[in-house]
Amino acid sequence: MAGNPAEEVFVNLPDSGALMVGALIKKPLAEVKKNIETRLGVSFVALAGPYPRWLSKFGSVLVEVGPEETKWYCARWNLGNRP
């Protein structure tokens, strides 16, 4: 995944109300972010909030799970106002 080996891959349950795909990567967030930006040409911006998250213009998110693990995911929730 853009030079980042995935430890685990996950998707949503059919009845969850979400469309989600993601991966856990056993590398620090800074390294994962750099690999994605370099190999795919996708940039991320920091999001405000209680924990560090980074968002791409395509809607994918990077979250530091621990010092040596990063979660990379895309999600869309059905809030009743869109298909």
PDB file of N, CA and C in Angstrom:
ATOM      1  N   MET A   1       0.851  -1.175   0.000  1.00  0.00           N
ATOM      2  CA  MET A   1       0.000   0.000   0.000  1.00  0.00           C
ATOM      3  C   MET A   1       0.895   1.236   0.000  1.00  0.00           C
ATOM      4  N   ALA A   2       1.296   1.630  -1.201  1.00  0.00           N
ATOM      5  CA  ALA A   2       2.172   2.783  -1.391  1.00  0.00           C
ATOM      6  C   ALA A   2       3.488   2.595  -0.642  1.00  0.00           C
ATOM      7  N   GLY A   3       4.011   1.369  -0.652  1.00  0.00           N
ATOM      8  CA  GLY A   3       5.264   1.083   0.026  1.00  0.00           C
ATOM      9  C   GLY A   3       5.126   0.787   1.503  1.00  0.00           C
ATOM     10  N   ASN A   4       3.904   0.679   1.978  1.00  0.00           N
ATOM     11  CA  ASN A   4       3.637   0.388   3.379  1.00  0.00           C
ATOM     12  C   ASN A   4       2.989  -0.989   3.488  1.00  0.00           C
ATOM     13  N   PRO A   5       3.676  -1.969   4.086  1.00  0.00           N
ATOM     14  CA  PRO A   5       3.058  -3.295   4.225  1.00  0.00           C
ATOM     15  C   PRO A   5       1.919  -3.262   5.241  1.00  0.00           C
ATOM     16  N   ALA A   6       0.782  -3.789   4.864  1.00  0.00           N
ATOM     17  CA  ALA A   6      -0.389  -3.794   5.749  1.00  0.00           C
ATOM     18  C   ALA A   6      -0.322  -4.981   6.692  1.00  0.00           C
ATOM     19  N   GLU A   7      -0.554  -4.730   7.972  1.00  0.00           N
ATOM     20  CA  GLU A   7      -0.627  -5.765   8.998  1.00  0.00           C
ATOM     21  C   GLU A   7      -1.998  -6.434   8.972  1.00  0.00           C
ATOM     22  N   GLU A   8      -3.035  -5.603   8.860  1.00  0.00           N
ATOM     23  CA  GLU A   8      -4.423  -6.068   8.799  1.00  0.00           C
ATOM     24  C   GLU A   8      -5.181  -5.164   7.847  1.00  0.00           C
ATOM     25  N   VAL A   9      -6.211  -5.701   7.212  1.00  0.00           N
ATOM     26  CA  VAL A   9      -7.103  -4.924   6.355  1.00  0.00           C
ATOM     27  C   VAL A   9      -8.517  -5.136   6.891  1.00  0.00           C
ATOM     28  N   PHE A  10      -9.325  -4.083   6.894  1.00  0.00           N
ATOM     29  CA  PHE A  10     -10.680  -4.204   7.424  1.00  0.00           C
ATOM     30  C   PHE A  10     -11.681  -3.497   6.522  1.00  0.00           C
ATOM     31  N   VAL A  11     -12.930  -3.968   6.584  1.00  0.00           N
ATOM     32  CA  VAL A  11     -14.047  -3.381   5.849  1.00  0.00           C
ATOM     33  C   VAL A  11     -15.254  -3.333   6.788  1.00  0.00           C
ATOM     34  N   ASN A  12     -16.266  -2.585   6.380  1.00  0.00           N
ATOM     35  CA  ASN A  12     -17.474  -2.468   7.202  1.00  0.00           C
ATOM     36  C   ASN A  12     -18.326  -3.733   7.154  1.00  0.00           C
ATOM     37  N   LEU A  13     -19.175  -3.882   8.153  1.00  0.00           N
ATOM     38  CA  LEU A  13     -20.208  -4.916   8.130  1.00  0.00           C
ATOM     39  C   LEU A  13     -21.366  -4.400   7.277  1.00  0.00           C
ATOM     40  N   PRO A  14     -22.067  -5.253   6.542  1.00  0.00           N
ATOM     41  CA  PRO A  14     -23.132  -4.797   5.647  1.00  0.00           C
ATOM     42  C   PRO A  14     -24.229  -3.972   6.331  1.00  0.00           C
ATOM     43  N   ASP A  15     -24.554  -4.261   7.565  1.00  0.00           N
ATOM     44  CA  ASP A  15     -25.642  -3.544   8.233  1.00  0.00           C
ATOM     45  C   ASP A  15     -25.158  -2.407   9.140  1.00  0.00           C
ATOM     46  N   SER A  16     -23.909  -1.977   8.975  1.00  0.00           N
ATOM     47  CA  SER A  16     -23.332  -0.966   9.871  1.00  0.00           C
ATOM     48  C   SER A  16     -23.758   0.464   9.547  1.00  0.00           C
ATOM     49  N   GLY A  17     -24.263   0.710   8.343  1.00  0.00           N
ATOM     50  CA  GLY A  17     -24.594   2.085   7.953  1.00  0.00           C
ATOM     51  C   GLY A  17     -23.381   2.854   7.462  1.00  0.00           C
ATOM     52  N   ALA A  18     -22.256   2.176   7.282  1.00  0.00           N
ATOM     53  CA  ALA A  18     -21.029   2.818   6.816  1.00  0.00           C
ATOM     54  C   ALA A  18     -20.468   2.064   5.627  1.00  0.00           C
ATOM     55  N   LEU A  19     -19.733   2.769   4.812  1.00  0.00           N
ATOM     56  CA  LEU A  19     -18.909   2.162   3.776  1.00  0.00           C
ATOM     57  C   LEU A  19     -17.479   2.459   4.207  1.00  0.00           C
ATOM     58  N   MET A  20     -16.705   1.435   4.495  1.00  0.00           N
ATOM     59  CA  MET A  20     -15.365   1.665   5.024  1.00  0.00           C
ATOM     60  C   MET A  20     -14.398   0.605   4.532  1.00  0.00           C
ATOM     61  N   VAL A  21     -13.189   1.034   4.262  1.00  0.00           N
ATOM     62  CA  VAL A  21     -12.076   0.138   3.983  1.00  0.00           C
ATOM     63  C   VAL A  21     -10.846   0.774   4.617  1.00  0.00           C
ATOM     64  N   GLY A  22     -10.005  -0.053   5.199  1.00  0.00           N
ATOM     65  CA  GLY A  22      -8.827   0.495   5.851  1.00  0.00           C
ATOM     66  C   GLY A  22      -7.783  -0.564   6.100  1.00  0.00           C
ATOM     67  N   ALA A  23      -6.638  -0.105   6.611  1.00  0.00           N
ATOM     68  CA  ALA A  23      -5.533  -1.001   6.900  1.00  0.00           C
ATOM     69  C   ALA A  23      -4.777  -0.514   8.124  1.00  0.00           C
ATOM     70  N   LEU A  24      -4.219  -1.473   8.860  1.00  0.00           N
ATOM     71  CA  LEU A  24      -3.292  -1.173   9.944  1.00  0.00           C
ATOM     72  C   LEU A  24      -1.889  -1.434   9.417  1.00  0.00           C
ATOM     73  N   ILE A  25      -1.015  -0.470   9.598  1.00  0.00           N
ATOM     74  CA  ILE A  25       0.337  -0.540   9.063  1.00  0.00           C
ATOM     75  C   ILE A  25       1.314  -0.402  10.222  1.00  0.00           C
ATOM     76  N   LYS A  26       2.235  -1.337  10.343  1.00  0.00           N
ATOM     77  CA  LYS A  26       3.222  -1.342  11.430  1.00  0.00           C
ATOM     78  C   LYS A  26       4.401  -0.428  11.095  1.00  0.00           C
ATOM     79  N   LYS A  27       4.099   0.855  10.964  1.00  0.00           N
ATOM     80  CA  LYS A  27       5.121   1.876  10.743  1.00  0.00           C
ATOM     81  C   LYS A  27       4.624   3.167  11.378  1.00  0.00           C
ATOM     82  N   PRO A  28       5.548   4.049  11.768  1.00  0.00           N
ATOM     83  CA  PRO A  28       5.140   5.345  12.323  1.00  0.00           C
ATOM     84  C   PRO A  28       4.372   6.171  11.293  1.00  0.00           C
ATOM     85  N   LEU A  29       3.442   6.982  11.769  1.00  0.00           N
ATOM     86  CA  LEU A  29       2.604   7.801  10.894  1.00  0.00           C
ATOM     87  C   LEU A  29       3.432   8.645   9.935  1.00  0.00           C
ATOM     88  N   ALA A  30       4.492   9.274  10.401  1.00  0.00           N
ATOM     89  CA  ALA A  30       5.309  10.136   9.538  1.00  0.00           C
ATOM     90  C   ALA A  30       5.876   9.362   8.351  1.00  0.00           C
ATOM     91  N   GLU A  31       6.294   8.123   8.576  1.00  0.00           N
ATOM     92  CA  GLU A  31       6.848   7.301   7.499  1.00  0.00           C
ATOM     93  C   GLU A  31       5.756   6.872   6.517  1.00  0.00           C
ATOM     94  N   VAL A  32       4.611   6.463   7.032  1.00  0.00           N
ATOM     95  CA  VAL A  32       3.481   6.067   6.179  1.00  0.00           C
ATOM     96  C   VAL A  32       3.042   7.245   5.323  1.00  0.00           C
ATOM     97  N   LYS A  33       2.880   8.398   5.950  1.00  0.00           N
ATOM     98  CA  LYS A  33       2.453   9.615   5.243  1.00  0.00           C
ATOM     99  C   LYS A  33       3.441   9.974   4.133  1.00  0.00           C
ATOM    100  N   LYS A  34       4.723   9.924   4.441  1.00  0.00           N
ATOM    101  CA  LYS A  34       5.756  10.246   3.447  1.00  0.00           C
ATOM    102  C   LYS A  34       5.707   9.283   2.267  1.00  0.00           C
ATOM    103  N   ASN A  35       5.568   7.968   2.547  1.00  0.00           N
ATOM    104  CA  ASN A  35       5.493   6.975   1.466  1.00  0.00           C
ATOM    105  C   ASN A  35       4.292   7.228   0.555  1.00  0.00           C
ATOM    106  N   ILE A  36       3.140   7.513   1.135  1.00  0.00           N
ATOM    107  CA  ILE A  36       1.933   7.752   0.340  1.00  0.00           C
ATOM    108  C   ILE A  36       2.104   9.017  -0.507  1.00  0.00           C
ATOM    109  N   GLU A  37       2.569  10.075   0.123  1.00  0.00           N
ATOM    110  CA  GLU A  37       2.739  11.346  -0.598  1.00  0.00           C
ATOM    111  C   GLU A  37       3.753  11.208  -1.730  1.00  0.00           C
ATOM    112  N   THR A  38       4.846  10.481  -1.484  1.00  0.00           N
ATOM    113  CA  THR A  38       5.893  10.316  -2.499  1.00  0.00           C
ATOM    114  C   THR A  38       5.446   9.405  -3.635  1.00  0.00           C
ATOM    115  N   ARG A  39       4.883   8.250  -3.294  1.00  0.00           N
ATOM    116  CA  ARG A  39       4.547   7.254  -4.312  1.00  0.00           C
ATOM    117  C   ARG A  39       3.247   7.528  -5.056  1.00  0.00           C
ATOM    118  N   LEU A  40       2.265   8.099  -4.367  1.00  0.00           N
ATOM    119  CA  LEU A  40       0.957   8.320  -4.992  1.00  0.00           C
ATOM    120  C   LEU A  40       0.689   9.783  -5.337  1.00  0.00           C
ATOM    121  N   GLY A  41       1.527  10.693  -4.851  1.00  0.00           N
ATOM    122  CA  GLY A  41       1.311  12.114  -5.119  1.00  0.00           C
ATOM    123  C   GLY A  41       0.097  12.678  -4.400  1.00  0.00           C
ATOM    124  N   VAL A  42      -0.309  12.021  -3.314  1.00  0.00           N
ATOM    125  CA  VAL A  42      -1.462  12.455  -2.525  1.00  0.00           C
ATOM    126  C   VAL A  42      -0.939  13.175  -1.292  1.00  0.00           C
ATOM    127  N   SER A  43      -1.451  14.376  -1.027  1.00  0.00           N
ATOM    128  CA  SER A  43      -1.007  15.099   0.170  1.00  0.00           C
ATOM    129  C   SER A  43      -2.093  15.060   1.245  1.00  0.00           C
ATOM    130  N   PHE A  44      -1.673  15.242   2.474  1.00  0.00           N
ATOM    131  CA  PHE A  44      -2.558  15.219   3.633  1.00  0.00           C
ATOM    132  C   PHE A  44      -2.432  16.530   4.393  1.00  0.00           C
ATOM    133  N   VAL A  45      -3.540  16.955   5.001  1.00  0.00           N
ATOM    134  CA  VAL A  45      -3.533  18.127   5.881  1.00  0.00           C
ATOM    135  C   VAL A  45      -3.970  17.682   7.274  1.00  0.00           C
ATOM    136  N   ALA A  46      -3.399  18.332   8.274  1.00  0.00           N
ATOM    137  CA  ALA A  46      -3.740  17.997   9.659  1.00  0.00           C
ATOM    138  C   ALA A  46      -5.162  18.444   9.970  1.00  0.00           C
ATOM    139  N   LEU A  47      -5.892  17.630  10.726  1.00  0.00           N
ATOM    140  CA  LEU A  47      -7.234  17.970  11.185  1.00  0.00           C
ATOM    141  C   LEU A  47      -7.186  18.332  12.664  1.00  0.00           C
ATOM    142  N   ALA A  48      -7.963  19.311  13.040  1.00  0.00           N
ATOM    143  CA  ALA A  48      -8.069  19.671  14.458  1.00  0.00           C
ATOM    144  C   ALA A  48      -8.874  18.605  15.181  1.00  0.00           C
ATOM    145  N   GLY A  49      -8.595  18.414  16.445  1.00  0.00           N
ATOM    146  CA  GLY A  49      -9.352  17.447  17.227  1.00  0.00           C
ATOM    147  C   GLY A  49      -8.549  16.929  18.395  1.00  0.00           C
ATOM    148  N   PRO A  50      -9.140  16.007  19.149  1.00  0.00           N
ATOM    149  CA  PRO A  50      -8.498  15.518  20.362  1.00  0.00           C
ATOM    150  C   PRO A  50      -7.290  14.600  20.107  1.00  0.00           C
ATOM    151  N   TYR A  51      -7.136  14.101  18.888  1.00  0.00           N
ATOM    152  CA  TYR A  51      -5.975  13.274  18.549  1.00  0.00           C
ATOM    153  C   TYR A  51      -5.556  13.592  17.119  1.00  0.00           C
ATOM    154  N   PRO A  52      -4.279  13.423  16.802  1.00  0.00           N
ATOM    155  CA  PRO A  52      -3.785  13.773  15.461  1.00  0.00           C
ATOM    156  C   PRO A  52      -4.387  12.894  14.374  1.00  0.00           C
ATOM    157  N   ARG A  53      -4.950  13.553  13.375  1.00  0.00           N
ATOM    158  CA  ARG A  53      -5.465  12.878  12.176  1.00  0.00           C
ATOM    159  C   ARG A  53      -5.043  13.696  10.976  1.00  0.00           C
ATOM    160  N   TRP A  54      -4.854  13.030   9.867  1.00  0.00           N
ATOM    161  CA  TRP A  54      -4.463  13.679   8.620  1.00  0.00           C
ATOM    162  C   TRP A  54      -5.451  13.274   7.540  1.00  0.00           C
ATOM    163  N   LEU A  55      -5.927  14.235   6.741  1.00  0.00           N
ATOM    164  CA  LEU A  55      -6.952  14.004   5.721  1.00  0.00           C
ATOM    165  C   LEU A  55      -6.422  14.337   4.336  1.00  0.00           C
ATOM    166  N   SER A  56      -6.696  13.452   3.360  1.00  0.00           N
ATOM    167  CA  SER A  56      -6.346  13.736   1.959  1.00  0.00           C
ATOM    168  C   SER A  56      -7.540  14.376   1.269  1.00  0.00           C
ATOM    169  N   LYS A  57      -7.304  14.978   0.114  1.00  0.00           N
ATOM    170  CA  LYS A  57      -8.415  15.597  -0.625  1.00  0.00           C
ATOM    171  C   LYS A  57      -9.390  14.552  -1.156  1.00  0.00           C
ATOM    172  N   PHE A  58      -8.990  13.289  -1.153  1.00  0.00           N
ATOM    173  CA  PHE A  58      -9.864  12.212  -1.604  1.00  0.00           C
ATOM    174  C   PHE A  58     -10.673  11.610  -0.459  1.00  0.00           C
ATOM    175  N   GLY A  59     -10.409  12.062   0.769  1.00  0.00           N
ATOM    176  CA  GLY A  59     -11.173  11.597   1.914  1.00  0.00           C
ATOM    177  C   GLY A  59     -10.529  10.487   2.717  1.00  0.00           C
ATOM    178  N   SER A  60      -9.322  10.067   2.357  1.00  0.00           N
ATOM    179  CA  SER A  60      -8.670   9.050   3.179  1.00  0.00           C
ATOM    180  C   SER A  60      -8.040   9.715   4.397  1.00  0.00           C
ATOM    181  N   VAL A  61      -7.952   8.953   5.481  1.00  0.00           N
ATOM    182  CA  VAL A  61      -7.502   9.483   6.761  1.00  0.00           C
ATOM    183  C   VAL A  61      -6.367   8.626   7.302  1.00  0.00           C
ATOM    184  N   LEU A  62      -5.365   9.289   7.861  1.00  0.00           N
ATOM    185  CA  LEU A  62      -4.290   8.624   8.587  1.00  0.00           C
ATOM    186  C   LEU A  62      -4.436   8.956  10.061  1.00  0.00           C
ATOM    187  N   VAL A  63      -4.330   7.937  10.913  1.00  0.00           N
ATOM    188  CA  VAL A  63      -4.422   8.120  12.362  1.00  0.00           C
ATOM    189  C   VAL A  63      -3.280   7.351  13.005  1.00  0.00           C
ATOM    190  N   GLU A  64      -2.570   8.000  13.928  1.00  0.00           N
ATOM    191  CA  GLU A  64      -1.535   7.298  14.679  1.00  0.00           C
ATOM    192  C   GLU A  64      -2.204   6.438  15.752  1.00  0.00           C
ATOM    193  N   VAL A  65      -2.004   5.130  15.670  1.00  0.00           N
ATOM    194  CA  VAL A  65      -2.582   4.198  16.636  1.00  0.00           C
ATOM    195  C   VAL A  65      -1.622   4.028  17.817  1.00  0.00           C
ATOM    196  N   GLY A  66      -0.353   4.116  17.550  1.00  0.00           N
ATOM    197  CA  GLY A  66       0.719   4.021  18.540  1.00  0.00           C
ATOM    198  C   GLY A  66       1.987   4.521  17.889  1.00  0.00           C
ATOM    199  N   PRO A  67       3.091   4.543  18.606  1.00  0.00           N
ATOM    200  CA  PRO A  67       4.316   5.093  18.030  1.00  0.00           C
ATOM    201  C   PRO A  67       4.823   4.337  16.801  1.00  0.00           C
ATOM    202  N   GLU A  68       4.443   3.078  16.669  1.00  0.00           N
ATOM    203  CA  GLU A  68       4.904   2.262  15.544  1.00  0.00           C
ATOM    204  C   GLU A  68       3.756   1.671  14.731  1.00  0.00           C
ATOM    205  N   GLU A  69       2.548   2.273  14.797  1.00  0.00           N
ATOM    206  CA  GLU A  69       1.405   1.737  14.053  1.00  0.00           C
ATOM    207  C   GLU A  69       0.502   2.866  13.589  1.00  0.00           C
ATOM    208  N   THR A  70       0.057   2.748  12.345  1.00  0.00           N
ATOM    209  CA  THR A  70      -0.793   3.755  11.724  1.00  0.00           C
ATOM    210  C   THR A  70      -2.018   3.086  11.125  1.00  0.00           C
ATOM    211  N   LYS A  71      -3.162   3.748  11.244  1.00  0.00           N
ATOM    212  CA  LYS A  71      -4.397   3.297  10.598  1.00  0.00           C
ATOM    213  C   LYS A  71      -4.634   4.221   9.398  1.00  0.00           C
ATOM    214  N   TRP A  72      -4.879   3.621   8.240  1.00  0.00           N
ATOM    215  CA  TRP A  72      -5.178   4.371   7.016  1.00  0.00           C
ATOM    216  C   TRP A  72      -6.546   3.886   6.555  1.00  0.00           C
ATOM    217  N   TYR A  73      -7.525   4.787   6.464  1.00  0.00           N
ATOM    218  CA  TYR A  73      -8.864   4.345   6.096  1.00  0.00           C
ATOM    219  C   TYR A  73      -9.617   5.389   5.278  1.00  0.00           C
ATOM    220  N   CYS A  74     -10.645   4.921   4.609  1.00  0.00           N
ATOM    221  CA  CYS A  74     -11.638   5.760   3.937  1.00  0.00           C
ATOM    222  C   CYS A  74     -12.994   5.294   4.446  1.00  0.00           C
ATOM    223  N   ALA A  75     -13.860   6.239   4.767  1.00  0.00           N
ATOM    224  CA  ALA A  75     -15.171   5.879   5.292  1.00  0.00           C
ATOM    225  C   ALA A  75     -16.220   6.872   4.828  1.00  0.00           C
ATOM    226  N   ARG A  76     -17.424   6.359   4.701  1.00  0.00           N
ATOM    227  CA  ARG A  76     -18.586   7.192   4.382  1.00  0.00           C
ATOM    228  C   ARG A  76     -19.761   6.633   5.172  1.00  0.00           C
ATOM    229  N   TRP A  77     -20.377   7.482   5.957  1.00  0.00           N
ATOM    230  CA  TRP A  77     -21.484   7.045   6.791  1.00  0.00           C
ATOM    231  C   TRP A  77     -22.811   7.436   6.137  1.00  0.00           C
ATOM    232  N   ASN A  78     -23.807   6.561   6.252  1.00  0.00           N
ATOM    233  CA  ASN A  78     -25.145   6.850   5.759  1.00  0.00           C
ATOM    234  C   ASN A  78     -25.899   7.555   6.879  1.00  0.00           C
ATOM    235  N   LEU A  79     -26.049   8.860   6.716  1.00  0.00           N
ATOM    236  CA  LEU A  79     -26.732   9.663   7.734  1.00  0.00           C
ATOM    237  C   LEU A  79     -28.193   9.893   7.371  1.00  0.00           C
ATOM    238  N   GLY A  80     -28.685   9.171   6.369  1.00  0.00           N
ATOM    239  CA  GLY A  80     -30.073   9.313   5.971  1.00  0.00           C
ATOM    240  C   GLY A  80     -30.310  10.436   4.980  1.00  0.00           C
ATOM    241  N   ASN A  81     -29.265  11.190   4.653  1.00  0.00           N
ATOM    242  CA  ASN A  81     -29.432  12.321   3.736  1.00  0.00           C
ATOM    243  C   ASN A  81     -28.754  12.099   2.390  1.00  0.00           C
ATOM    244  N   ARG A  82     -28.259  10.881   2.169  1.00  0.00           N
ATOM    245  CA  ARG A  82     -27.646  10.554   0.865  1.00  0.00           C
ATOM    246  C   ARG A  82     -27.651   9.044   0.682  1.00  0.00           C
ATOM    247  N   PRO A  83     -27.545   8.596  -0.579  1.00  0.00           N
ATOM    248  CA  PRO A  83     -27.542   7.136  -0.823  1.00  0.00           C
ATOM    249  C   PRO A  83     -26.275   6.459  -0.341  1.00  0.00           C
TER     250      PRO A  83
END
